[in-house]
């Protein structure tokens, strides 16, 4: 049973994205972008903080470890290939996708180090060395630039070019990736 669109509310960007938003996977991705932007804000604030807040550190680690890999897979395994198939040559989508894929490799390389730094903080290391502060600030700035490209180019083209069938495929794949397809099958059977 589909949730009425008016019942779906935008999240606070502090909590994981509401899975009900997967009814429209592009809205879900947009909400994840807002969440990632908030995480970047929190990471940048942490870089300038005298002492880290444990709940902030835990929220950032949870996002980077649990949510970000799913989001990157949503884009690379499903959204980008769909866009490559549907966009017109004059859309020049391949240029944007190449840049974003390169950014994802950057995230793949840098995220484990940021997580390790954050886990060190949550384990009791109170002072943030300058190198760690710089790493947090740089990571957040890079991710924000990446989000601008996704929100300004990728999502508008996805809304313009993807078919209803593409959107349904994207939704189902994103649900599978999160283990929610089994939940939906059970609900449909009831």
C-alpha atoms as a PDB file:
ATOM      1  CA  UNK A   1       0.000   0.000   0.000  1.00  0.00           C
ATOM      2  CA  UNK A   2       1.448   3.348  -1.009  1.00  0.00           C
ATOM      3  CA  UNK A   3       1.685   6.162   1.484  1.00  0.00           C
ATOM      4  CA  UNK A   4      -0.185   9.286   0.359  1.00  0.00           C
ATOM      5  CA  UNK A   5       2.281  11.934  -0.798  1.00  0.00           C
ATOM      6  CA  UNK A   6       0.898  14.493   1.647  1.00  0.00           C
ATOM      7  CA  UNK A   7       1.726  12.148   4.551  1.00  0.00           C
ATOM      8  CA  UNK A   8       5.414  12.037   3.681  1.00  0.00           C
ATOM      9  CA  UNK A   9       7.274  14.725   5.558  1.00  0.00           C
ATOM     10  CA  UNK A  10      10.721  16.043   5.087  1.00  0.00           C
ATOM     11  CA  UNK A  11      13.118  14.876   7.773  1.00  0.00           C
ATOM     12  CA  UNK A  12      15.090  16.983  10.186  1.00  0.00           C
ATOM     13  CA  UNK A  13      18.350  16.062   8.400  1.00  0.00           C
ATOM     14  CA  UNK A  14      19.691  14.896  11.756  1.00  0.00           C
ATOM     15  CA  UNK A  15      18.095  11.449  11.619  1.00  0.00           C
ATOM     16  CA  UNK A  16      18.468   8.821   8.900  1.00  0.00           C
ATOM     17  CA  UNK A  17      16.224   9.419   5.899  1.00  0.00           C
ATOM     18  CA  UNK A  18      12.685   8.129   6.322  1.00  0.00           C
ATOM     19  CA  UNK A  19      12.381   4.899   4.270  1.00  0.00           C
ATOM     20  CA  UNK A  20       8.788   5.868   3.363  1.00  0.00           C
ATOM     21  CA  UNK A  21      10.329   8.459   1.030  1.00  0.00           C
ATOM     22  CA  UNK A  22      11.470   5.568  -1.146  1.00  0.00           C
ATOM     23  CA  UNK A  23       8.016   5.739  -2.720  1.00  0.00           C
ATOM     24  CA  UNK A  24       9.714   8.406  -4.827  1.00  0.00           C
ATOM     25  CA  UNK A  25      13.398   7.473  -4.962  1.00  0.00           C
ATOM     26  CA  UNK A  26      14.455  10.865  -6.339  1.00  0.00           C
ATOM     27  CA  UNK A  27      12.868  12.554  -3.324  1.00  0.00           C
ATOM     28  CA  UNK A  28      14.678  10.059  -1.110  1.00  0.00           C
ATOM     29  CA  UNK A  29      18.010  10.861  -2.786  1.00  0.00           C
ATOM     30  CA  UNK A  30      17.335  14.586  -2.434  1.00  0.00           C
ATOM     31  CA  UNK A  31      16.586  14.117   1.273  1.00  0.00           C
ATOM     32  CA  UNK A  32      19.806  12.127   1.645  1.00  0.00           C
ATOM     33  CA  UNK A  33      21.660  15.022   0.048  1.00  0.00           C
ATOM     34  CA  UNK A  34      20.149  17.372   2.622  1.00  0.00           C
ATOM     35  CA  UNK A  35      21.177  14.972   5.357  1.00  0.00           C
ATOM     36  CA  UNK A  36      24.705  14.744   3.985  1.00  0.00           C
ATOM     37  CA  UNK A  37      24.904  18.530   3.880  1.00  0.00           C
ATOM     38  CA  UNK A  38      23.891  18.650   7.563  1.00  0.00           C
ATOM     39  CA  UNK A  39      26.505  16.014   8.391  1.00  0.00           C
ATOM     40  CA  UNK A  40      29.084  18.176   6.583  1.00  0.00           C
ATOM     41  CA  UNK A  41      27.986  21.149   8.656  1.00  0.00           C
ATOM     42  CA  UNK A  42      28.370  19.107  11.838  1.00  0.00           C
ATOM     43  CA  UNK A  43      31.794  17.857  10.731  1.00  0.00           C
ATOM     44  CA  UNK A  44      32.947  21.402   9.938  1.00  0.00           C
ATOM     45  CA  UNK A  45      31.662  22.609  13.321  1.00  0.00           C
ATOM     46  CA  UNK A  46      33.466  19.729  14.985  1.00  0.00           C
ATOM     47  CA  UNK A  47      36.684  20.809  13.238  1.00  0.00           C
ATOM     48  CA  UNK A  48      36.388  24.171  14.964  1.00  0.00           C
ATOM     49  CA  UNK A  49      35.185  22.915  18.349  1.00  0.00           C
ATOM     50  CA  UNK A  50      37.257  22.945  21.494  1.00  0.00           C
ATOM     51  CA  UNK A  51      35.865  19.617  22.660  1.00  0.00           C
ATOM     52  CA  UNK A  52      33.791  17.231  20.580  1.00  0.00           C
ATOM     53  CA  UNK A  53      30.222  16.355  21.561  1.00  0.00           C
ATOM     54  CA  UNK A  54      29.864  12.569  21.792  1.00  0.00           C
ATOM     55  CA  UNK A  55      26.394  12.532  20.211  1.00  0.00           C
ATOM     56  CA  UNK A  56      27.609  14.623  17.255  1.00  0.00           C
ATOM     57  CA  UNK A  57      30.580  12.319  16.733  1.00  0.00           C
ATOM     58  CA  UNK A  58      28.303   9.253  16.888  1.00  0.00           C
ATOM     59  CA  UNK A  59      25.850  10.754  14.377  1.00  0.00           C
ATOM     60  CA  UNK A  60      28.620  11.569  11.904  1.00  0.00           C
ATOM     61  CA  UNK A  61      30.198   8.112  12.249  1.00  0.00           C
ATOM     62  CA  UNK A  62      26.821   6.426  11.811  1.00  0.00           C
ATOM     63  CA  UNK A  63      26.145   8.354   8.636  1.00  0.00           C
ATOM     64  CA  UNK A  64      29.591   7.777   7.138  1.00  0.00           C
ATOM     65  CA  UNK A  65      29.675   4.080   8.006  1.00  0.00           C
ATOM     66  CA  UNK A  66      26.060   3.013   7.464  1.00  0.00           C
ATOM     67  CA  UNK A  67      24.238   5.476   5.201  1.00  0.00           C
ATOM     68  CA  UNK A  68      26.831   6.940   2.841  1.00  0.00           C
ATOM     69  CA  UNK A  69      27.891   3.605   1.280  1.00  0.00           C
ATOM     70  CA  UNK A  70      24.240   2.819   0.437  1.00  0.00           C
ATOM     71  CA  UNK A  71      23.764   6.260  -1.059  1.00  0.00           C
ATOM     72  CA  UNK A  72      26.893   5.993  -3.208  1.00  0.00           C
ATOM     73  CA  UNK A  73      25.760   2.568  -4.431  1.00  0.00           C
ATOM     74  CA  UNK A  74      22.303   3.970  -5.257  1.00  0.00           C
ATOM     75  CA  UNK A  75      23.928   6.504  -7.510  1.00  0.00           C
ATOM     76  CA  UNK A  76      26.706   4.455  -9.086  1.00  0.00           C
ATOM     77  CA  UNK A  77      24.868   1.169  -9.567  1.00  0.00           C
ATOM     78  CA  UNK A  78      21.449   2.484 -10.531  1.00  0.00           C
ATOM     79  CA  UNK A  79      20.924   6.226 -10.963  1.00  0.00           C
ATOM     80  CA  UNK A  80      23.990   6.966 -13.097  1.00  0.00           C
ATOM     81  CA  UNK A  81      23.436   4.004 -15.476  1.00  0.00           C
ATOM     82  CA  UNK A  82      19.787   5.028 -15.909  1.00  0.00           C
ATOM     83  CA  UNK A  83      20.839   8.585 -16.710  1.00  0.00           C
ATOM     84  CA  UNK A  84      23.408   7.365 -19.212  1.00  0.00           C
ATOM     85  CA  UNK A  85      20.655   5.450 -21.003  1.00  0.00           C
ATOM     86  CA  UNK A  86      18.043   8.228 -20.963  1.00  0.00           C
ATOM     87  CA  UNK A  87      19.920  11.488 -21.332  1.00  0.00           C
ATOM     88  CA  UNK A  88      20.443  13.013 -24.748  1.00  0.00           C
ATOM     89  CA  UNK A  89      23.937  13.716 -26.107  1.00  0.00           C
ATOM     90  CA  UNK A  90      23.405  17.467 -25.714  1.00  0.00           C
ATOM     91  CA  UNK A  91      22.722  16.917 -21.986  1.00  0.00           C
ATOM     92  CA  UNK A  92      26.430  16.089 -21.600  1.00  0.00           C
ATOM     93  CA  UNK A  93      25.564  14.005 -18.557  1.00  0.00           C
ATOM     94  CA  UNK A  94      28.651  11.832 -18.932  1.00  0.00           C
ATOM     95  CA  UNK A  95      30.902  14.738 -17.971  1.00  0.00           C
ATOM     96  CA  UNK A  96      29.007  15.270 -14.721  1.00  0.00           C
ATOM     97  CA  UNK A  97      28.873  11.547 -13.958  1.00  0.00           C
ATOM     98  CA  UNK A  98      32.621  11.163 -14.497  1.00  0.00           C
ATOM     99  CA  UNK A  99      33.273  14.024 -12.086  1.00  0.00           C
ATOM    100  CA  UNK A 100      30.901  12.581  -9.483  1.00  0.00           C
ATOM    101  CA  UNK A 101      32.363   9.096  -9.810  1.00  0.00           C
ATOM    102  CA  UNK A 102      35.805  10.581  -9.247  1.00  0.00           C
ATOM    103  CA  UNK A 103      34.449  12.341  -6.160  1.00  0.00           C
ATOM    104  CA  UNK A 104      33.071   9.006  -4.939  1.00  0.00           C
ATOM    105  CA  UNK A 105      36.552   7.469  -5.215  1.00  0.00           C
ATOM    106  CA  UNK A 106      37.821  10.397  -3.169  1.00  0.00           C
ATOM    107  CA  UNK A 107      35.164   9.592  -0.541  1.00  0.00           C
ATOM    108  CA  UNK A 108      36.110   5.895  -0.657  1.00  0.00           C
ATOM    109  CA  UNK A 109      39.706   6.849   0.096  1.00  0.00           C
ATOM    110  CA  UNK A 110      39.093   9.549   2.724  1.00  0.00           C
ATOM    111  CA  UNK A 111      36.046   8.294   4.620  1.00  0.00           C
ATOM    112  CA  UNK A 112      37.798   5.437   6.484  1.00  0.00           C
ATOM    113  CA  UNK A 113      40.407   7.873   7.816  1.00  0.00           C
ATOM    114  CA  UNK A 114      37.734  10.351   8.943  1.00  0.00           C
ATOM    115  CA  UNK A 115      35.807   7.519  10.624  1.00  0.00           C
ATOM    116  CA  UNK A 116      38.973   6.341  12.383  1.00  0.00           C
ATOM    117  CA  UNK A 117      39.647   9.887  13.601  1.00  0.00           C
ATOM    118  CA  UNK A 118      36.084  10.230  14.855  1.00  0.00           C
ATOM    119  CA  UNK A 119      36.173   6.850  16.589  1.00  0.00           C
ATOM    120  CA  UNK A 120      39.374   7.958  18.287  1.00  0.00           C
ATOM    121  CA  UNK A 121      37.530  11.013  19.567  1.00  0.00           C
ATOM    122  CA  UNK A 122      34.618   8.955  20.828  1.00  0.00           C
ATOM    123  CA  UNK A 123      37.060   6.616  22.577  1.00  0.00           C
ATOM    124  CA  UNK A 124      38.166   9.485  24.773  1.00  0.00           C
ATOM    125  CA  UNK A 125      40.713  11.533  22.842  1.00  0.00           C
ATOM    126  CA  UNK A 126      39.524  15.047  23.709  1.00  0.00           C
ATOM    127  CA  UNK A 127      41.872  17.345  21.873  1.00  0.00           C
ATOM    128  CA  UNK A 128      41.590  17.642  18.116  1.00  0.00           C
ATOM    129  CA  UNK A 129      45.024  17.938  16.524  1.00  0.00           C
ATOM    130  CA  UNK A 130      45.321  20.542  13.779  1.00  0.00           C
ATOM    131  CA  UNK A 131      45.812  17.819  11.144  1.00  0.00           C
ATOM    132  CA  UNK A 132      42.501  16.219  12.152  1.00  0.00           C
ATOM    133  CA  UNK A 133      40.728  19.585  12.107  1.00  0.00           C
ATOM    134  CA  UNK A 134      42.053  20.219   8.594  1.00  0.00           C
ATOM    135  CA  UNK A 135      41.016  16.750   7.441  1.00  0.00           C
ATOM    136  CA  UNK A 136      37.454  17.242   8.759  1.00  0.00           C
ATOM    137  CA  UNK A 137      37.121  20.693   7.205  1.00  0.00           C
ATOM    138  CA  UNK A 138      38.529  19.531   3.856  1.00  0.00           C
ATOM    139  CA  UNK A 139      36.293  16.450   3.769  1.00  0.00           C
ATOM    140  CA  UNK A 140      33.191  18.549   4.507  1.00  0.00           C
ATOM    141  CA  UNK A 141      34.092  21.175   1.882  1.00  0.00           C
ATOM    142  CA  UNK A 142      34.715  18.540  -0.782  1.00  0.00           C
ATOM    143  CA  UNK A 143      31.420  16.772  -0.030  1.00  0.00           C
ATOM    144  CA  UNK A 144      29.513  20.075  -0.203  1.00  0.00           C
ATOM    145  CA  UNK A 145      30.922  20.840  -3.665  1.00  0.00           C
ATOM    146  CA  UNK A 146      29.929  17.339  -4.736  1.00  0.00           C
ATOM    147  CA  UNK A 147      26.369  17.845  -3.466  1.00  0.00           C
ATOM    148  CA  UNK A 148      26.026  21.080  -5.426  1.00  0.00           C
ATOM    149  CA  UNK A 149      26.752  19.215  -8.660  1.00  0.00           C
ATOM    150  CA  UNK A 150      24.345  16.408  -7.796  1.00  0.00           C
ATOM    151  CA  UNK A 151      21.525  18.766  -6.845  1.00  0.00           C
ATOM    152  CA  UNK A 152      22.060  21.207  -9.714  1.00  0.00           C
ATOM    153  CA  UNK A 153      22.691  18.716 -12.547  1.00  0.00           C
ATOM    154  CA  UNK A 154      21.949  15.084 -11.697  1.00  0.00           C
ATOM    155  CA  UNK A 155      18.603  15.320  -9.942  1.00  0.00           C
ATOM    156  CA  UNK A 156      17.056  17.789 -12.424  1.00  0.00           C
ATOM    157  CA  UNK A 157      18.099  15.574 -15.348  1.00  0.00           C
ATOM    158  CA  UNK A 158      16.798  12.507 -13.526  1.00  0.00           C
ATOM    159  CA  UNK A 159      13.412  14.194 -13.020  1.00  0.00           C
ATOM    160  CA  UNK A 160      13.382  15.257 -16.662  1.00  0.00           C
ATOM    161  CA  UNK A 161      14.655  12.145 -18.424  1.00  0.00           C
ATOM    162  CA  UNK A 162      13.838   9.050 -16.359  1.00  0.00           C
ATOM    163  CA  UNK A 163      10.681   7.178 -17.238  1.00  0.00           C
ATOM    164  CA  UNK A 164       8.109   5.900 -14.758  1.00  0.00           C
ATOM    165  CA  UNK A 165       9.557   2.431 -15.258  1.00  0.00           C
ATOM    166  CA  UNK A 166      13.076   3.746 -14.556  1.00  0.00           C
ATOM    167  CA  UNK A 167      11.846   5.339 -11.334  1.00  0.00           C
ATOM    168  CA  UNK A 168      10.193   2.086 -10.279  1.00  0.00           C
ATOM    169  CA  UNK A 169      13.367   0.142 -11.037  1.00  0.00           C
ATOM    170  CA  UNK A 170      15.391   2.648  -9.037  1.00  0.00           C
ATOM    171  CA  UNK A 171      12.936   2.419  -6.136  1.00  0.00           C
ATOM    172  CA  UNK A 172      13.014  -1.375  -6.070  1.00  0.00           C
ATOM    173  CA  UNK A 173      16.814  -1.522  -6.229  1.00  0.00           C
ATOM    174  CA  UNK A 174      17.162   1.028  -3.443  1.00  0.00           C
ATOM    175  CA  UNK A 175      14.706  -0.946  -1.315  1.00  0.00           C
ATOM    176  CA  UNK A 176      16.603  -4.182  -1.999  1.00  0.00           C
ATOM    177  CA  UNK A 177      19.863  -2.525  -1.043  1.00  0.00           C
ATOM    178  CA  UNK A 178      18.336  -1.619   2.330  1.00  0.00           C
ATOM    179  CA  UNK A 179      16.642  -4.986   2.858  1.00  0.00           C
ATOM    180  CA  UNK A 180      13.225  -3.312   2.634  1.00  0.00           C
ATOM    181  CA  UNK A 181      11.950  -5.319  -0.323  1.00  0.00           C
ATOM    182  CA  UNK A 182      11.293  -8.310   1.939  1.00  0.00           C
ATOM    183  CA  UNK A 183       9.378  -6.044   4.315  1.00  0.00           C
ATOM    184  CA  UNK A 184       7.232  -4.742   1.440  1.00  0.00           C
ATOM    185  CA  UNK A 185       6.504  -8.268   0.188  1.00  0.00           C
ATOM    186  CA  UNK A 186       5.337  -9.270   3.671  1.00  0.00           C
ATOM    187  CA  UNK A 187       3.142  -6.154   3.977  1.00  0.00           C
ATOM    188  CA  UNK A 188       1.612  -6.765   0.526  1.00  0.00           C
ATOM    189  CA  UNK A 189       0.786 -10.344   1.511  1.00  0.00           C
ATOM    190  CA  UNK A 190      -1.061  -9.271   4.693  1.00  0.00           C
END
